């Protein structure tokens, strides 16, 4: 999952930020990169649970379980949207992964990046264009299915000198669910916990080096 942090805005770009409709201005940390300003909802905070490989015992072996489903995310202004070829992760349930779900996904804390060893115990697939996904060869056990759903809003902003620019604001929302996998059986997930609030991660000025990423839905904002 992506980790987010930083601060510093100057001059005219600062006025653009202040004029962004509905863009949260409570971000403690942000980072100015050319024509793109990255926004976060708080500085990085430490984890309380240490990574213990023993908690993932047996999860690297080949299993016979299957996990399928469809991801959909409810948004405040754009209804229900589906991830288009976006990554979704399957990770075993234990104290370390539960802290991540509770503090990052539910409480909205900007946790320090996970221990790099976690990737040895994660399964990752991409959804199709309608949010459908499938994991195969999964060992029996309890897992979190998790991901973040991105989308972009765009609009034209005119400054005091009458100069108009197209701006893009990137949004995302975390989702997750807990699922039980059994050998030789298929578990299906279609309902995901969406208590995570919607977040804005950056804005960018169109016509610069910025180009909206592929496979992310764009909504015109008036």
C-alpha atoms as a PDB file:
ATOM      1  CA  UNK A   1       0.000   0.000   0.000  1.00  0.00           C
ATOM      2  CA  UNK A   2       1.086   3.554  -0.528  1.00  0.00           C
ATOM      3  CA  UNK A   3       2.571   5.563   2.322  1.00  0.00           C
ATOM      4  CA  UNK A   4       2.109   9.349   2.350  1.00  0.00           C
ATOM      5  CA  UNK A   5       3.900  12.342   4.045  1.00  0.00           C
ATOM      6  CA  UNK A   6       5.809  15.894   3.711  1.00  0.00           C
ATOM      7  CA  UNK A   7       5.220  19.810   3.709  1.00  0.00           C
ATOM      8  CA  UNK A   8       5.925  23.040   1.783  1.00  0.00           C
ATOM      9  CA  UNK A   9       3.857  25.282  -0.507  1.00  0.00           C
ATOM     10  CA  UNK A  10       4.862  28.711  -1.817  1.00  0.00           C
ATOM     11  CA  UNK A  11       3.642  31.638  -3.910  1.00  0.00           C
ATOM     12  CA  UNK A  12       0.924  31.329  -6.522  1.00  0.00           C
ATOM     13  CA  UNK A  13       0.574  27.568  -6.138  1.00  0.00           C
ATOM     14  CA  UNK A  14      -0.447  28.197  -2.535  1.00  0.00           C
ATOM     15  CA  UNK A  15      -3.344  30.399  -3.710  1.00  0.00           C
ATOM     16  CA  UNK A  16      -4.428  27.628  -6.066  1.00  0.00           C
ATOM     17  CA  UNK A  17      -4.540  25.194  -3.169  1.00  0.00           C
ATOM     18  CA  UNK A  18      -6.614  27.546  -1.047  1.00  0.00           C
ATOM     19  CA  UNK A  19      -9.121  27.871  -3.915  1.00  0.00           C
ATOM     20  CA  UNK A  20      -9.517  24.152  -4.512  1.00  0.00           C
ATOM     21  CA  UNK A  21     -13.165  23.271  -3.854  1.00  0.00           C
ATOM     22  CA  UNK A  22     -13.658  20.809  -1.022  1.00  0.00           C
ATOM     23  CA  UNK A  23      -9.918  20.111  -0.834  1.00  0.00           C
ATOM     24  CA  UNK A  24      -8.992  19.532   2.782  1.00  0.00           C
ATOM     25  CA  UNK A  25      -6.739  22.269   4.135  1.00  0.00           C
ATOM     26  CA  UNK A  26      -6.090  20.509   7.425  1.00  0.00           C
ATOM     27  CA  UNK A  27      -3.241  18.478   5.944  1.00  0.00           C
ATOM     28  CA  UNK A  28      -0.286  18.733   8.261  1.00  0.00           C
ATOM     29  CA  UNK A  29       2.172  17.343   5.722  1.00  0.00           C
ATOM     30  CA  UNK A  30       2.489  18.052   1.999  1.00  0.00           C
ATOM     31  CA  UNK A  31       5.219  18.088  -0.616  1.00  0.00           C
ATOM     32  CA  UNK A  32       5.544  20.376  -3.635  1.00  0.00           C
ATOM     33  CA  UNK A  33       6.853  18.598  -6.743  1.00  0.00           C
ATOM     34  CA  UNK A  34       6.869  20.885  -9.791  1.00  0.00           C
ATOM     35  CA  UNK A  35       3.242  21.498 -10.719  1.00  0.00           C
ATOM     36  CA  UNK A  36       2.001  18.752  -8.436  1.00  0.00           C
ATOM     37  CA  UNK A  37       1.281  19.220  -4.742  1.00  0.00           C
ATOM     38  CA  UNK A  38       0.954  16.065  -2.665  1.00  0.00           C
ATOM     39  CA  UNK A  39      -1.372  16.226   0.338  1.00  0.00           C
ATOM     40  CA  UNK A  40      -1.633  13.990   3.407  1.00  0.00           C
ATOM     41  CA  UNK A  41      -3.855  14.034   6.456  1.00  0.00           C
ATOM     42  CA  UNK A  42      -1.045  13.791   8.997  1.00  0.00           C
ATOM     43  CA  UNK A  43       2.647  13.114   9.480  1.00  0.00           C
ATOM     44  CA  UNK A  44       3.939   9.559   9.616  1.00  0.00           C
ATOM     45  CA  UNK A  45       3.341   7.789  12.933  1.00  0.00           C
ATOM     46  CA  UNK A  46       5.046   4.678  14.275  1.00  0.00           C
ATOM     47  CA  UNK A  47       3.597   1.207  14.604  1.00  0.00           C
ATOM     48  CA  UNK A  48       3.031  -0.434  17.981  1.00  0.00           C
ATOM     49  CA  UNK A  49       3.162  -4.077  16.853  1.00  0.00           C
ATOM     50  CA  UNK A  50       6.509  -5.559  15.861  1.00  0.00           C
ATOM     51  CA  UNK A  51       6.729  -7.676  12.728  1.00  0.00           C
ATOM     52  CA  UNK A  52       7.137 -11.333  13.712  1.00  0.00           C
ATOM     53  CA  UNK A  53       7.654 -13.868  10.891  1.00  0.00           C
ATOM     54  CA  UNK A  54       6.417 -16.637  13.213  1.00  0.00           C
ATOM     55  CA  UNK A  55       2.935 -15.064  13.064  1.00  0.00           C
ATOM     56  CA  UNK A  56       2.832 -15.912   9.352  1.00  0.00           C
ATOM     57  CA  UNK A  57       3.800 -19.573   9.780  1.00  0.00           C
ATOM     58  CA  UNK A  58       2.823 -21.776   6.849  1.00  0.00           C
ATOM     59  CA  UNK A  59       1.532 -18.918   4.729  1.00  0.00           C
ATOM     60  CA  UNK A  60       4.236 -19.245   2.076  1.00  0.00           C
ATOM     61  CA  UNK A  61       3.203 -22.766   1.087  1.00  0.00           C
ATOM     62  CA  UNK A  62       1.018 -23.544  -1.901  1.00  0.00           C
ATOM     63  CA  UNK A  63      -2.629 -24.062  -1.013  1.00  0.00           C
ATOM     64  CA  UNK A  64      -5.765 -25.171  -2.821  1.00  0.00           C
ATOM     65  CA  UNK A  65      -8.153 -22.421  -1.771  1.00  0.00           C
ATOM     66  CA  UNK A  66      -9.674 -19.867  -4.142  1.00  0.00           C
ATOM     67  CA  UNK A  67     -10.840 -16.328  -3.346  1.00  0.00           C
ATOM     68  CA  UNK A  68     -13.018 -14.424  -5.806  1.00  0.00           C
ATOM     69  CA  UNK A  69     -15.198 -11.364  -5.646  1.00  0.00           C
ATOM     70  CA  UNK A  70     -16.005  -7.902  -6.901  1.00  0.00           C
ATOM     71  CA  UNK A  71     -14.917  -4.602  -5.385  1.00  0.00           C
ATOM     72  CA  UNK A  72     -17.208  -1.580  -5.381  1.00  0.00           C
ATOM     73  CA  UNK A  73     -16.707   1.618  -3.417  1.00  0.00           C
ATOM     74  CA  UNK A  74     -19.366   4.144  -2.426  1.00  0.00           C
ATOM     75  CA  UNK A  75     -18.318   7.785  -2.820  1.00  0.00           C
ATOM     76  CA  UNK A  76     -19.904  10.973  -1.518  1.00  0.00           C
ATOM     77  CA  UNK A  77     -20.317  12.728  -4.866  1.00  0.00           C
ATOM     78  CA  UNK A  78     -19.970  10.100  -7.594  1.00  0.00           C
ATOM     79  CA  UNK A  79     -22.089   7.174  -6.462  1.00  0.00           C
ATOM     80  CA  UNK A  80     -20.715   3.639  -6.564  1.00  0.00           C
ATOM     81  CA  UNK A  81     -17.517   3.187  -8.543  1.00  0.00           C
ATOM     82  CA  UNK A  82     -15.491   0.107  -9.464  1.00  0.00           C
ATOM     83  CA  UNK A  83     -11.698  -0.240  -9.653  1.00  0.00           C
ATOM     84  CA  UNK A  84     -10.393  -0.604 -13.202  1.00  0.00           C
ATOM     85  CA  UNK A  85      -7.356  -2.910 -13.282  1.00  0.00           C
ATOM     86  CA  UNK A  86      -6.310  -1.859  -9.774  1.00  0.00           C
ATOM     87  CA  UNK A  87      -4.312  -3.978  -7.328  1.00  0.00           C
ATOM     88  CA  UNK A  88      -5.986  -5.787  -4.432  1.00  0.00           C
ATOM     89  CA  UNK A  89      -4.032  -7.607  -1.709  1.00  0.00           C
ATOM     90  CA  UNK A  90      -4.699 -10.738   0.323  1.00  0.00           C
ATOM     91  CA  UNK A  91      -2.773 -10.860   3.618  1.00  0.00           C
ATOM     92  CA  UNK A  92      -3.010 -13.233   6.621  1.00  0.00           C
ATOM     93  CA  UNK A  93      -4.797 -11.993   9.742  1.00  0.00           C
ATOM     94  CA  UNK A  94      -2.523 -11.513  12.761  1.00  0.00           C
ATOM     95  CA  UNK A  95      -1.622  -8.762  15.234  1.00  0.00           C
ATOM     96  CA  UNK A  96       0.633  -6.936  12.768  1.00  0.00           C
ATOM     97  CA  UNK A  97      -1.834  -6.828   9.878  1.00  0.00           C
ATOM     98  CA  UNK A  98      -4.766  -6.085  12.191  1.00  0.00           C
ATOM     99  CA  UNK A  99      -3.000  -2.993  13.522  1.00  0.00           C
ATOM    100  CA  UNK A 100      -2.614  -1.783   9.946  1.00  0.00           C
ATOM    101  CA  UNK A 101      -6.305  -2.286   9.206  1.00  0.00           C
ATOM    102  CA  UNK A 102      -7.480  -0.704  12.458  1.00  0.00           C
ATOM    103  CA  UNK A 103      -5.186   2.312  12.464  1.00  0.00           C
ATOM    104  CA  UNK A 104      -4.721   3.067   8.763  1.00  0.00           C
ATOM    105  CA  UNK A 105      -7.955   1.884   7.188  1.00  0.00           C
ATOM    106  CA  UNK A 106     -10.432   2.664   9.979  1.00  0.00           C
ATOM    107  CA  UNK A 107      -8.803   5.393  12.100  1.00  0.00           C
ATOM    108  CA  UNK A 108      -7.130   7.160   9.184  1.00  0.00           C
ATOM    109  CA  UNK A 109      -3.646   7.299  10.710  1.00  0.00           C
ATOM    110  CA  UNK A 110      -0.669   7.715   8.389  1.00  0.00           C
ATOM    111  CA  UNK A 111       1.269   4.689   9.607  1.00  0.00           C
ATOM    112  CA  UNK A 112       4.919   4.156   8.836  1.00  0.00           C
ATOM    113  CA  UNK A 113       5.430   1.885   5.832  1.00  0.00           C
ATOM    114  CA  UNK A 114       5.067  -1.812   6.575  1.00  0.00           C
ATOM    115  CA  UNK A 115       8.090  -4.028   7.153  1.00  0.00           C
ATOM    116  CA  UNK A 116       9.482  -5.080   3.764  1.00  0.00           C
ATOM    117  CA  UNK A 117       9.292  -8.730   4.799  1.00  0.00           C
ATOM    118  CA  UNK A 118       5.497  -8.510   4.724  1.00  0.00           C
ATOM    119  CA  UNK A 119       5.574  -8.802   0.925  1.00  0.00           C
ATOM    120  CA  UNK A 120       6.688 -12.442   1.304  1.00  0.00           C
ATOM    121  CA  UNK A 121       3.292 -13.274   2.807  1.00  0.00           C
ATOM    122  CA  UNK A 122       1.024 -11.165   0.582  1.00  0.00           C
ATOM    123  CA  UNK A 123      -0.816 -12.200  -2.553  1.00  0.00           C
ATOM    124  CA  UNK A 124      -1.590  -9.502  -5.105  1.00  0.00           C
ATOM    125  CA  UNK A 125      -3.794  -9.500  -8.199  1.00  0.00           C
ATOM    126  CA  UNK A 126      -5.335  -6.801 -10.357  1.00  0.00           C
ATOM    127  CA  UNK A 127      -9.059  -6.447 -10.798  1.00  0.00           C
ATOM    128  CA  UNK A 128     -10.589  -6.488 -14.243  1.00  0.00           C
ATOM    129  CA  UNK A 129     -12.343  -3.437 -15.664  1.00  0.00           C
ATOM    130  CA  UNK A 130     -15.427  -4.091 -13.528  1.00  0.00           C
ATOM    131  CA  UNK A 131     -13.696  -4.692 -10.198  1.00  0.00           C
ATOM    132  CA  UNK A 132     -13.757  -8.509 -10.362  1.00  0.00           C
ATOM    133  CA  UNK A 133     -10.779 -10.433  -8.997  1.00  0.00           C
ATOM    134  CA  UNK A 134      -9.587 -13.989  -8.346  1.00  0.00           C
ATOM    135  CA  UNK A 135      -6.833 -15.489  -6.158  1.00  0.00           C
ATOM    136  CA  UNK A 136      -5.862 -19.146  -6.580  1.00  0.00           C
ATOM    137  CA  UNK A 137      -3.575 -21.540  -4.728  1.00  0.00           C
ATOM    138  CA  UNK A 138      -4.217 -19.927  -1.332  1.00  0.00           C
ATOM    139  CA  UNK A 139      -3.485 -21.910   1.873  1.00  0.00           C
ATOM    140  CA  UNK A 140      -6.311 -22.339   4.390  1.00  0.00           C
ATOM    141  CA  UNK A 141      -6.559 -19.571   6.965  1.00  0.00           C
ATOM    142  CA  UNK A 142      -7.985 -16.165   7.887  1.00  0.00           C
ATOM    143  CA  UNK A 143      -7.149 -13.251   5.596  1.00  0.00           C
ATOM    144  CA  UNK A 144      -7.753  -9.575   4.998  1.00  0.00           C
ATOM    145  CA  UNK A 145      -8.656  -8.515   1.477  1.00  0.00           C
ATOM    146  CA  UNK A 146      -7.651  -4.878   1.131  1.00  0.00           C
ATOM    147  CA  UNK A 147      -6.935  -2.120  -1.321  1.00  0.00           C
ATOM    148  CA  UNK A 148      -7.426   1.541  -2.086  1.00  0.00           C
ATOM    149  CA  UNK A 149      -9.789   2.882  -4.720  1.00  0.00           C
ATOM    150  CA  UNK A 150      -8.461   5.868  -6.705  1.00  0.00           C
ATOM    151  CA  UNK A 151     -10.386   8.437  -8.724  1.00  0.00           C
ATOM    152  CA  UNK A 152      -9.770  11.951 -10.048  1.00  0.00           C
ATOM    153  CA  UNK A 153     -11.881  15.100 -10.196  1.00  0.00           C
ATOM    154  CA  UNK A 154     -11.026  17.851 -12.667  1.00  0.00           C
ATOM    155  CA  UNK A 155     -12.196  21.424 -13.159  1.00  0.00           C
ATOM    156  CA  UNK A 156     -11.084  24.750 -14.640  1.00  0.00           C
ATOM    157  CA  UNK A 157      -9.831  27.416 -12.214  1.00  0.00           C
ATOM    158  CA  UNK A 158      -9.501  31.108 -13.156  1.00  0.00           C
ATOM    159  CA  UNK A 159      -7.195  33.335 -11.117  1.00  0.00           C
ATOM    160  CA  UNK A 160      -7.400  37.090 -10.387  1.00  0.00           C
ATOM    161  CA  UNK A 161      -5.594  37.894 -13.656  1.00  0.00           C
ATOM    162  CA  UNK A 162      -8.165  35.976 -15.694  1.00  0.00           C
ATOM    163  CA  UNK A 163      -5.812  33.107 -16.471  1.00  0.00           C
ATOM    164  CA  UNK A 164      -7.586  29.750 -16.599  1.00  0.00           C
ATOM    165  CA  UNK A 165      -5.980  26.403 -15.884  1.00  0.00           C
ATOM    166  CA  UNK A 166      -7.329  22.900 -15.718  1.00  0.00           C
ATOM    167  CA  UNK A 167      -6.686  21.309 -12.334  1.00  0.00           C
ATOM    168  CA  UNK A 168      -6.807  17.653 -11.353  1.00  0.00           C
ATOM    169  CA  UNK A 169      -7.423  16.460  -7.802  1.00  0.00           C
ATOM    170  CA  UNK A 170      -6.602  12.849  -6.939  1.00  0.00           C
ATOM    171  CA  UNK A 171      -8.754  11.028  -4.381  1.00  0.00           C
ATOM    172  CA  UNK A 172      -8.726   7.581  -2.849  1.00  0.00           C
ATOM    173  CA  UNK A 173     -10.597   5.515  -0.297  1.00  0.00           C
ATOM    174  CA  UNK A 174      -9.418   2.411   1.549  1.00  0.00           C
ATOM    175  CA  UNK A 175     -11.570  -0.719   1.646  1.00  0.00           C
ATOM    176  CA  UNK A 176     -11.113  -4.112   3.277  1.00  0.00           C
ATOM    177  CA  UNK A 177     -12.884  -7.244   4.424  1.00  0.00           C
ATOM    178  CA  UNK A 178     -11.981 -10.361   6.387  1.00  0.00           C
ATOM    179  CA  UNK A 179     -12.424 -13.740   4.761  1.00  0.00           C
ATOM    180  CA  UNK A 180     -11.937 -17.419   5.664  1.00  0.00           C
ATOM    181  CA  UNK A 181     -10.172 -19.643   3.138  1.00  0.00           C
ATOM    182  CA  UNK A 182     -10.594 -23.441   3.209  1.00  0.00           C
ATOM    183  CA  UNK A 183      -8.638 -26.022   1.231  1.00  0.00           C
ATOM    184  CA  UNK A 184     -10.310 -26.988  -2.034  1.00  0.00           C
ATOM    185  CA  UNK A 185     -13.101 -24.425  -1.629  1.00  0.00           C
ATOM    186  CA  UNK A 186     -13.940 -21.035  -3.122  1.00  0.00           C
ATOM    187  CA  UNK A 187     -14.602 -18.065  -0.853  1.00  0.00           C
ATOM    188  CA  UNK A 188     -16.337 -15.066  -2.426  1.00  0.00           C
ATOM    189  CA  UNK A 189     -16.246 -11.460  -1.210  1.00  0.00           C
ATOM    190  CA  UNK A 190     -18.513  -8.682  -2.447  1.00  0.00           C
ATOM    191  CA  UNK A 191     -19.106  -6.641   0.727  1.00  0.00           C
ATOM    192  CA  UNK A 192     -16.227  -4.495   1.978  1.00  0.00           C
ATOM    193  CA  UNK A 193     -15.804  -2.322   5.050  1.00  0.00           C
ATOM    194  CA  UNK A 194     -15.778   1.293   3.890  1.00  0.00           C
ATOM    195  CA  UNK A 195     -15.486   3.202   7.149  1.00  0.00           C
ATOM    196  CA  UNK A 196     -12.328   4.836   5.839  1.00  0.00           C
ATOM    197  CA  UNK A 197     -12.978   8.447   4.879  1.00  0.00           C
ATOM    198  CA  UNK A 198     -12.318   9.756   1.396  1.00  0.00           C
ATOM    199  CA  UNK A 199      -8.927  11.436   1.016  1.00  0.00           C
ATOM    200  CA  UNK A 200      -7.313  13.830  -1.422  1.00  0.00           C
ATOM    201  CA  UNK A 201      -3.676  13.082  -2.115  1.00  0.00           C
ATOM    202  CA  UNK A 202      -2.570  15.778  -4.573  1.00  0.00           C
ATOM    203  CA  UNK A 203      -3.580  18.280  -7.189  1.00  0.00           C
ATOM    204  CA  UNK A 204      -1.878  18.910 -10.517  1.00  0.00           C
ATOM    205  CA  UNK A 205      -2.091  21.545 -13.246  1.00  0.00           C
ATOM    206  CA  UNK A 206      -3.069  20.207 -16.647  1.00  0.00           C
ATOM    207  CA  UNK A 207      -0.846  21.043 -19.604  1.00  0.00           C
ATOM    208  CA  UNK A 208       2.312  20.565 -17.538  1.00  0.00           C
ATOM    209  CA  UNK A 209       4.334  17.400 -17.109  1.00  0.00           C
ATOM    210  CA  UNK A 210       1.391  15.908 -15.240  1.00  0.00           C
ATOM    211  CA  UNK A 211      -0.789  13.349 -17.007  1.00  0.00           C
ATOM    212  CA  UNK A 212      -3.665  11.545 -15.273  1.00  0.00           C
ATOM    213  CA  UNK A 213      -2.730   7.905 -14.624  1.00  0.00           C
ATOM    214  CA  UNK A 214      -4.339   5.233 -16.797  1.00  0.00           C
ATOM    215  CA  UNK A 215      -7.230   3.124 -15.533  1.00  0.00           C
ATOM    216  CA  UNK A 216      -8.380   5.786 -13.043  1.00  0.00           C
ATOM    217  CA  UNK A 217     -11.885   7.183 -13.491  1.00  0.00           C
ATOM    218  CA  UNK A 218     -12.054  10.968 -13.993  1.00  0.00           C
ATOM    219  CA  UNK A 219     -15.071  13.063 -12.995  1.00  0.00           C
ATOM    220  CA  UNK A 220     -15.741  16.592 -14.256  1.00  0.00           C
ATOM    221  CA  UNK A 221     -16.426  18.960 -11.364  1.00  0.00           C
ATOM    222  CA  UNK A 222     -18.474  22.112 -12.042  1.00  0.00           C
END
